[in-house]
Amino acid sequence: MTNYRYYTGTLFVRELERLKEEYIQLDLDDVKRMVEEDILLLEKAVNMLSTNTVY
């Protein structure tokens, strides 16, 4: 059995680090728009992960 939690966890960490670097270089309006988009993407990812849970 493969442990996917480690893989997905590191993906989220890398994605958050990338977003932090991008946000440093943007103005507030751009950041607000991107945060909204990122929240939607993360919600979709969580929904996908929760439906594909291995027991």
PDB file of N, CA and C in Angstrom:
ATOM      1  N   MET A   1       0.836  -1.173   0.000  1.00  0.00           N
ATOM      2  CA  MET A   1       0.000   0.000   0.000  1.00  0.00           C
ATOM      3  C   MET A   1       0.891   1.249   0.000  1.00  0.00           C
ATOM      4  N   THR A   2       0.553   2.208  -0.832  1.00  0.00           N
ATOM      5  CA  THR A   2       1.334   3.430  -0.951  1.00  0.00           C
ATOM      6  C   THR A   2       0.797   4.488   0.005  1.00  0.00           C
ATOM      7  N   ASN A   3       1.680   5.207   0.653  1.00  0.00           N
ATOM      8  CA  ASN A   3       1.279   6.286   1.551  1.00  0.00           C
ATOM      9  C   ASN A   3       1.273   7.597   0.763  1.00  0.00           C
ATOM     10  N   TYR A   4       0.102   8.043   0.384  1.00  0.00           N
ATOM     11  CA  TYR A   4      -0.031   9.255  -0.421  1.00  0.00           C
ATOM     12  C   TYR A   4      -0.023  10.517   0.435  1.00  0.00           C
ATOM     13  N   ARG A   5      -0.198  10.377   1.740  1.00  0.00           N
ATOM     14  CA  ARG A   5      -0.268  11.564   2.597  1.00  0.00           C
ATOM     15  C   ARG A   5       1.031  12.340   2.585  1.00  0.00           C
ATOM     16  N   TYR A   6       2.156  11.643   2.599  1.00  0.00           N
ATOM     17  CA  TYR A   6       3.452  12.333   2.565  1.00  0.00           C
ATOM     18  C   TYR A   6       3.593  13.124   1.270  1.00  0.00           C
ATOM     19  N   TYR A   7       3.246  12.492   0.163  1.00  0.00           N
ATOM     20  CA  TYR A   7       3.381  13.140  -1.142  1.00  0.00           C
ATOM     21  C   TYR A   7       2.494  14.371  -1.234  1.00  0.00           C
ATOM     22  N   THR A   8       1.237  14.250  -0.874  1.00  0.00           N
ATOM     23  CA  THR A   8       0.334  15.392  -0.963  1.00  0.00           C
ATOM     24  C   THR A   8       0.725  16.468   0.032  1.00  0.00           C
ATOM     25  N   GLY A   9       1.223  16.076   1.195  1.00  0.00           N
ATOM     26  CA  GLY A   9       1.651  17.059   2.180  1.00  0.00           C
ATOM     27  C   GLY A   9       2.795  17.904   1.671  1.00  0.00           C
ATOM     28  N   THR A  10       3.785  17.274   1.039  1.00  0.00           N
ATOM     29  CA  THR A  10       4.912  18.036   0.514  1.00  0.00           C
ATOM     30  C   THR A  10       4.483  18.907  -0.659  1.00  0.00           C
ATOM     31  N   LEU A  11       3.515  18.463  -1.429  1.00  0.00           N
ATOM     32  CA  LEU A  11       3.001  19.300  -2.516  1.00  0.00           C
ATOM     33  C   LEU A  11       2.378  20.575  -1.967  1.00  0.00           C
ATOM     34  N   PHE A  12       1.588  20.447  -0.902  1.00  0.00           N
ATOM     35  CA  PHE A  12       0.971  21.626  -0.314  1.00  0.00           C
ATOM     36  C   PHE A  12       2.017  22.572   0.254  1.00  0.00           C
ATOM     37  N   VAL A  13       3.039  22.033   0.884  1.00  0.00           N
ATOM     38  CA  VAL A  13       4.090  22.875   1.456  1.00  0.00           C
ATOM     39  C   VAL A  13       4.827  23.625   0.355  1.00  0.00           C
ATOM     40  N   ARG A  14       5.183  22.916  -0.713  1.00  0.00           N
ATOM     41  CA  ARG A  14       5.874  23.583  -1.827  1.00  0.00           C
ATOM     42  C   ARG A  14       4.993  24.645  -2.468  1.00  0.00           C
ATOM     43  N   GLU A  15       3.704  24.346  -2.633  1.00  0.00           N
ATOM     44  CA  GLU A  15       2.785  25.307  -3.227  1.00  0.00           C
ATOM     45  C   GLU A  15       2.642  26.541  -2.343  1.00  0.00           C
ATOM     46  N   LEU A  16       2.553  26.352  -1.036  1.00  0.00           N
ATOM     47  CA  LEU A  16       2.454  27.499  -0.134  1.00  0.00           C
ATOM     48  C   LEU A  16       3.714  28.354  -0.178  1.00  0.00           C
ATOM     49  N   GLU A  17       4.877  27.729  -0.261  1.00  0.00           N
ATOM     50  CA  GLU A  17       6.127  28.495  -0.361  1.00  0.00           C
ATOM     51  C   GLU A  17       6.166  29.300  -1.655  1.00  0.00           C
ATOM     52  N   ARG A  18       5.728  28.688  -2.741  1.00  0.00           N
ATOM     53  CA  ARG A  18       5.686  29.390  -4.031  1.00  0.00           C
ATOM     54  C   ARG A  18       4.744  30.579  -3.960  1.00  0.00           C
ATOM     55  N   LEU A  19       3.588  30.393  -3.355  1.00  0.00           N
ATOM     56  CA  LEU A  19       2.611  31.475  -3.236  1.00  0.00           C
ATOM     57  C   LEU A  19       3.154  32.615  -2.388  1.00  0.00           C
ATOM     58  N   LYS A  20       3.863  32.290  -1.323  1.00  0.00           N
ATOM     59  CA  LYS A  20       4.445  33.338  -0.479  1.00  0.00           C
ATOM     60  C   LYS A  20       5.388  34.213  -1.299  1.00  0.00           C
ATOM     61  N   GLU A  21       6.223  33.590  -2.099  1.00  0.00           N
ATOM     62  CA  GLU A  21       7.175  34.353  -2.920  1.00  0.00           C
ATOM     63  C   GLU A  21       6.452  35.226  -3.939  1.00  0.00           C
ATOM     64  N   GLU A  22       5.400  34.701  -4.543  1.00  0.00           N
ATOM     65  CA  GLU A  22       4.637  35.494  -5.506  1.00  0.00           C
ATOM     66  C   GLU A  22       3.965  36.675  -4.833  1.00  0.00           C
ATOM     67  N   TYR A  23       3.381  36.461  -3.658  1.00  0.00           N
ATOM     68  CA  TYR A  23       2.628  37.502  -2.982  1.00  0.00           C
ATOM     69  C   TYR A  23       3.509  38.659  -2.550  1.00  0.00           C
ATOM     70  N   ILE A  24       4.760  38.385  -2.253  1.00  0.00           N
ATOM     71  CA  ILE A  24       5.679  39.446  -1.843  1.00  0.00           C
ATOM     72  C   ILE A  24       5.816  40.492  -2.953  1.00  0.00           C
ATOM     73  N   GLN A  25       5.713  40.067  -4.203  1.00  0.00           N
ATOM     74  CA  GLN A  25       5.969  40.947  -5.336  1.00  0.00           C
ATOM     75  C   GLN A  25       4.706  41.602  -5.900  1.00  0.00           C
ATOM     76  N   LEU A  26       3.559  41.369  -5.319  1.00  0.00           N
ATOM     77  CA  LEU A  26       2.307  41.872  -5.868  1.00  0.00           C
ATOM     78  C   LEU A  26       1.714  42.971  -5.002  1.00  0.00           C
ATOM     79  N   ASP A  27       0.800  43.753  -5.616  1.00  0.00           N
ATOM     80  CA  ASP A  27       0.086  44.730  -4.805  1.00  0.00           C
ATOM     81  C   ASP A  27      -1.141  44.078  -4.172  1.00  0.00           C
ATOM     82  N   LEU A  28      -1.810  44.788  -3.309  1.00  0.00           N
ATOM     83  CA  LEU A  28      -2.862  44.208  -2.479  1.00  0.00           C
ATOM     84  C   LEU A  28      -4.032  43.659  -3.301  1.00  0.00           C
ATOM     85  N   ASP A  29      -4.465  44.374  -4.334  1.00  0.00           N
ATOM     86  CA  ASP A  29      -5.597  43.903  -5.143  1.00  0.00           C
ATOM     87  C   ASP A  29      -5.274  42.594  -5.850  1.00  0.00           C
ATOM     88  N   ASP A  30      -4.060  42.487  -6.385  1.00  0.00           N
ATOM     89  CA  ASP A  30      -3.650  41.247  -7.038  1.00  0.00           C
ATOM     90  C   ASP A  30      -3.618  40.093  -6.039  1.00  0.00           C
ATOM     91  N   VAL A  31      -3.133  40.380  -4.849  1.00  0.00           N
ATOM     92  CA  VAL A  31      -3.037  39.343  -3.815  1.00  0.00           C
ATOM     93  C   VAL A  31      -4.426  38.860  -3.423  1.00  0.00           C
ATOM     94  N   LYS A  32      -5.357  39.777  -3.239  1.00  0.00           N
ATOM     95  CA  LYS A  32      -6.717  39.385  -2.875  1.00  0.00           C
ATOM     96  C   LYS A  32      -7.328  38.470  -3.925  1.00  0.00           C
ATOM     97  N   ARG A  33      -7.172  38.809  -5.183  1.00  0.00           N
ATOM     98  CA  ARG A  33      -7.722  38.002  -6.270  1.00  0.00           C
ATOM     99  C   ARG A  33      -7.067  36.626  -6.306  1.00  0.00           C
ATOM    100  N   MET A  34      -5.759  36.603  -6.150  1.00  0.00           N
ATOM    101  CA  MET A  34      -5.045  35.329  -6.194  1.00  0.00           C
ATOM    102  C   MET A  34      -5.387  34.453  -4.995  1.00  0.00           C
ATOM    103  N   VAL A  35      -5.562  35.058  -3.824  1.00  0.00           N
ATOM    104  CA  VAL A  35      -5.928  34.284  -2.643  1.00  0.00           C
ATOM    105  C   VAL A  35      -7.289  33.629  -2.857  1.00  0.00           C
ATOM    106  N   GLU A  36      -8.225  34.362  -3.417  1.00  0.00           N
ATOM    107  CA  GLU A  36      -9.545  33.792  -3.690  1.00  0.00           C
ATOM    108  C   GLU A  36      -9.429  32.606  -4.646  1.00  0.00           C
ATOM    109  N   GLU A  37      -8.630  32.764  -5.703  1.00  0.00           N
ATOM    110  CA  GLU A  37      -8.439  31.677  -6.657  1.00  0.00           C
ATOM    111  C   GLU A  37      -7.748  30.478  -6.006  1.00  0.00           C
ATOM    112  N   ASP A  38      -6.749  30.749  -5.188  1.00  0.00           N
ATOM    113  CA  ASP A  38      -6.017  29.666  -4.528  1.00  0.00           C
ATOM    114  C   ASP A  38      -6.897  28.917  -3.532  1.00  0.00           C
ATOM    115  N   ILE A  39      -7.753  29.647  -2.835  1.00  0.00           N
ATOM    116  CA  ILE A  39      -8.665  28.986  -1.898  1.00  0.00           C
ATOM    117  C   ILE A  39      -9.582  28.040  -2.655  1.00  0.00           C
ATOM    118  N   LEU A  40     -10.099  28.476  -3.788  1.00  0.00           N
ATOM    119  CA  LEU A  40     -10.964  27.605  -4.582  1.00  0.00           C
ATOM    120  C   LEU A  40     -10.210  26.360  -5.049  1.00  0.00           C
ATOM    121  N   LEU A  41      -8.968  26.534  -5.498  1.00  0.00           N
ATOM    122  CA  LEU A  41      -8.178  25.393  -5.949  1.00  0.00           C
ATOM    123  C   LEU A  41      -7.873  24.429  -4.807  1.00  0.00           C
ATOM    124  N   LEU A  42      -7.527  24.969  -3.641  1.00  0.00           N
ATOM    125  CA  LEU A  42      -7.242  24.116  -2.494  1.00  0.00           C
ATOM    126  C   LEU A  42      -8.500  23.379  -2.021  1.00  0.00           C
ATOM    127  N   GLU A  43      -9.649  24.047  -2.077  1.00  0.00           N
ATOM    128  CA  GLU A  43     -10.902  23.370  -1.719  1.00  0.00           C
ATOM    129  C   GLU A  43     -11.177  22.213  -2.671  1.00  0.00           C
ATOM    130  N   LYS A  44     -10.941  22.425  -3.965  1.00  0.00           N
ATOM    131  CA  LYS A  44     -11.123  21.350  -4.938  1.00  0.00           C
ATOM    132  C   LYS A  44     -10.167  20.198  -4.657  1.00  0.00           C
ATOM    133  N   ALA A  45      -8.920  20.529  -4.327  1.00  0.00           N
ATOM    134  CA  ALA A  45      -7.928  19.489  -4.041  1.00  0.00           C
ATOM    135  C   ALA A  45      -8.322  18.683  -2.810  1.00  0.00           C
ATOM    136  N   VAL A  46      -8.784  19.361  -1.779  1.00  0.00           N
ATOM    137  CA  VAL A  46      -9.207  18.666  -0.563  1.00  0.00           C
ATOM    138  C   VAL A  46     -10.389  17.768  -0.855  1.00  0.00           C
ATOM    139  N   ASN A  47     -11.331  18.253  -1.647  1.00  0.00           N
ATOM    140  CA  ASN A  47     -12.482  17.427  -2.012  1.00  0.00           C
ATOM    141  C   ASN A  47     -12.044  16.196  -2.795  1.00  0.00           C
ATOM    142  N   MET A  48     -11.099  16.376  -3.719  1.00  0.00           N
ATOM    143  CA  MET A  48     -10.595  15.242  -4.492  1.00  0.00           C
ATOM    144  C   MET A  48      -9.897  14.243  -3.583  1.00  0.00           C
ATOM    145  N   LEU A  49      -9.076  14.729  -2.662  1.00  0.00           N
ATOM    146  CA  LEU A  49      -8.361  13.839  -1.744  1.00  0.00           C
ATOM    147  C   LEU A  49      -9.320  13.102  -0.815  1.00  0.00           C
ATOM    148  N   SER A  50     -10.354  13.791  -0.382  1.00  0.00           N
ATOM    149  CA  SER A  50     -11.277  13.139   0.555  1.00  0.00           C
ATOM    150  C   SER A  50     -12.123  12.076  -0.128  1.00  0.00           C
ATOM    151  N   THR A  51     -12.380  12.219  -1.424  1.00  0.00           N
ATOM    152  CA  THR A  51     -13.159  11.198  -2.135  1.00  0.00           C
ATOM    153  C   THR A  51     -12.288  10.029  -2.550  1.00  0.00           C
ATOM    154  N   ASN A  52     -10.963  10.203  -2.569  1.00  0.00           N
ATOM    155  CA  ASN A  52     -10.050   9.142  -2.965  1.00  0.00           C
ATOM    156  C   ASN A  52      -9.282   8.545  -1.779  1.00  0.00           C
ATOM    157  N   THR A  53      -9.870   8.618  -0.602  1.00  0.00           N
ATOM    158  CA  THR A  53      -9.208   8.113   0.601  1.00  0.00           C
ATOM    159  C   THR A  53      -9.116   6.599   0.555  1.00  0.00           C
ATOM    160  N   VAL A  54      -7.940   6.084   0.884  1.00  0.00           N
ATOM    161  CA  VAL A  54      -7.716   4.640   0.949  1.00  0.00           C
ATOM    162  C   VAL A  54      -7.829   4.207   2.394  1.00  0.00           C
ATOM    163  N   TYR A  55      -8.636   3.219   2.655  1.00  0.00           N
ATOM    164  CA  TYR A  55      -8.829   2.708   4.020  1.00  0.00           C
ATOM    165  C   TYR A  55      -8.140   1.408   4.197  1.00  0.00           C
TER     166      TYR A  55
END
